[in-house]
Amino acid sequence: MKFMLMIYGNQETWSAYPAEEWPKAIAAVDAFNRKFFETGELLGAYGLADAVQAKTVRVRAGAPAVTDGPYLETKEYLASYYLLDCVDEARALEIAAEMPYAAENAVELWPVMNEAAPQL
């Protein structure tokens, strides 16, 4: 079963993190990524740019309209996501609990219902 593990944050949160703690935090996430990539349960891990770099696209009257920023204006936004492939939800929850950021903020785990794109 595939699951999406999502981490939320905002620029204020990242900026408030002490600079001397970043190497330790990055090492913890790198160890998490390596551990679950080696088990085959981590298919991919993707960090997203700051929300100020996001764009929203809507098609109106057949023409695309592009606006700056994410679709929703919120205090926190999706900062990174992980694609997991686990035997069941219980295992995915175990992995989510090992995510280093889960000790500081909530992480979300969503089942992936189907895969629409063909596997190449």
Protein backbone atom coordinates (compact mmCIF):
# COMPACT_ATOMS: atom_id res chain seq x y z
CA MET A 1 0.00 0.00 0.00
CA LYS A 2 1.23 3.47 -0.80
CA PHE A 3 1.05 6.37 1.64
CA MET A 4 1.95 10.03 1.50
CA LEU A 5 3.68 11.40 4.60
CA MET A 6 3.36 15.19 4.67
CA ILE A 7 5.21 17.80 6.70
CA TYR A 8 3.91 21.33 7.18
CA GLY A 9 5.70 24.50 8.19
CA ASN A 10 6.30 28.10 7.25
CA GLN A 11 9.18 30.46 6.73
CA GLU A 12 8.79 31.84 10.27
CA THR A 13 9.25 28.33 11.70
CA TRP A 14 12.34 27.63 9.59
CA SER A 15 13.87 31.05 10.33
CA ALA A 16 13.39 30.62 14.09
CA TYR A 17 15.31 27.34 14.08
CA PRO A 18 18.79 27.97 15.55
CA ALA A 19 21.45 27.96 12.82
CA GLU A 20 23.73 25.70 14.86
CA GLU A 21 20.94 23.06 15.00
CA TRP A 22 20.47 22.77 11.21
CA PRO A 23 23.33 20.31 10.60
CA LYS A 24 21.94 17.98 13.29
CA ALA A 25 18.38 18.25 11.90
CA ILE A 26 19.56 17.60 8.34
CA ALA A 27 21.60 14.60 9.48
CA ALA A 28 18.56 13.15 11.30
CA VAL A 29 16.37 13.49 8.21
CA ASP A 30 19.12 12.08 6.00
CA ALA A 31 19.42 9.04 8.31
CA PHE A 32 15.63 8.59 8.20
CA ASN A 33 15.65 8.78 4.39
CA ARG A 34 18.55 6.37 4.05
CA LYS A 35 17.07 3.84 6.51
CA PHE A 36 13.70 3.57 4.79
CA PHE A 37 15.09 3.85 1.26
CA GLU A 38 17.25 0.82 2.04
CA THR A 39 14.19 -1.16 3.26
CA GLY A 40 12.39 -0.24 0.02
CA GLU A 41 9.59 1.48 1.94
CA LEU A 42 10.62 5.03 0.99
CA LEU A 43 9.99 5.61 -2.70
CA GLY A 44 10.81 9.31 -2.70
CA ALA A 45 11.27 12.34 -0.47
CA TYR A 46 10.66 15.82 -1.80
CA GLY A 47 11.16 19.22 -0.17
CA LEU A 48 9.16 22.09 -1.59
CA ALA A 49 10.23 25.71 -2.11
CA ASP A 50 8.87 28.48 0.09
CA ALA A 51 5.22 29.41 -0.48
CA VAL A 52 6.20 32.75 -2.02
CA GLN A 53 7.53 30.78 -5.01
CA ALA A 54 4.28 28.84 -5.55
CA LYS A 55 1.90 29.61 -8.40
CA THR A 56 -1.78 28.82 -8.79
CA VAL A 57 -3.12 28.04 -12.26
CA ARG A 58 -6.77 28.28 -13.20
CA VAL A 59 -8.23 27.97 -16.67
CA ARG A 60 -10.95 30.52 -17.35
CA ALA A 61 -12.66 30.90 -20.72
CA GLY A 62 -10.13 28.47 -22.16
CA ALA A 63 -7.10 30.52 -21.12
CA PRO A 64 -4.79 29.88 -18.19
CA ALA A 65 -4.73 32.48 -15.42
CA VAL A 66 -1.64 32.29 -13.23
CA THR A 67 -1.47 33.97 -9.84
CA ASP A 68 1.33 34.14 -7.29
CA GLY A 69 1.17 32.04 -4.16
CA PRO A 70 -0.52 28.86 -3.08
CA TYR A 71 -4.22 28.19 -3.62
CA LEU A 72 -5.03 28.60 0.07
CA GLU A 73 -3.72 31.38 2.26
CA THR A 74 -2.73 29.67 5.49
CA LYS A 75 -0.23 30.17 8.26
CA GLU A 76 1.43 26.85 7.46
CA TYR A 77 1.84 25.16 4.12
CA LEU A 78 2.99 21.84 2.72
CA ALA A 79 6.77 21.93 3.04
CA SER A 80 7.75 18.39 2.05
CA TYR A 81 6.27 15.05 1.26
CA TYR A 82 7.39 11.46 1.27
CA LEU A 83 5.99 8.61 -0.75
CA LEU A 84 5.96 5.35 1.19
CA ASP A 85 5.18 1.80 0.08
CA CYS A 86 4.33 -0.29 3.14
CA VAL A 87 2.66 -3.61 3.82
CA ASP A 88 -0.13 -1.89 5.75
CA GLU A 89 -1.20 1.28 7.53
CA ALA A 90 0.26 0.11 10.84
CA ARG A 91 3.73 -0.03 9.29
CA ALA A 92 3.26 3.38 7.66
CA LEU A 93 2.33 4.83 11.06
CA GLU A 94 5.48 3.31 12.58
CA ILE A 95 7.57 5.01 9.91
CA ALA A 96 5.70 8.32 10.38
CA ALA A 97 6.49 8.17 14.10
CA GLU A 98 10.21 7.93 13.26
CA MET A 99 10.12 11.07 11.11
CA PRO A 100 12.39 13.51 12.98
CA TYR A 101 9.93 16.41 12.53
CA ALA A 102 7.17 14.44 14.27
CA ALA A 103 8.86 15.23 17.59
CA GLU A 104 8.28 18.96 16.99
CA ASN A 105 5.23 19.22 14.72
CA ALA A 106 2.44 17.03 13.47
CA VAL A 107 2.98 15.07 10.28
CA GLU A 108 0.09 13.75 8.21
CA LEU A 109 -0.21 10.30 6.71
CA TRP A 110 -2.63 9.83 3.83
CA PRO A 111 -3.35 6.62 1.93
CA VAL A 112 -2.75 6.92 -1.82
CA MET A 113 -5.94 5.64 -3.41
CA ASN A 114 -4.66 4.83 -6.89
CA GLU A 115 -1.98 5.55 -9.41
CA ALA A 116 -3.26 7.22 -12.53
CA ALA A 117 0.03 7.63 -14.37
CA PRO A 118 1.43 4.63 -16.22
CA GLN A 119 4.58 3.15 -14.77
CA LEU A 120 7.45 3.68 -17.21
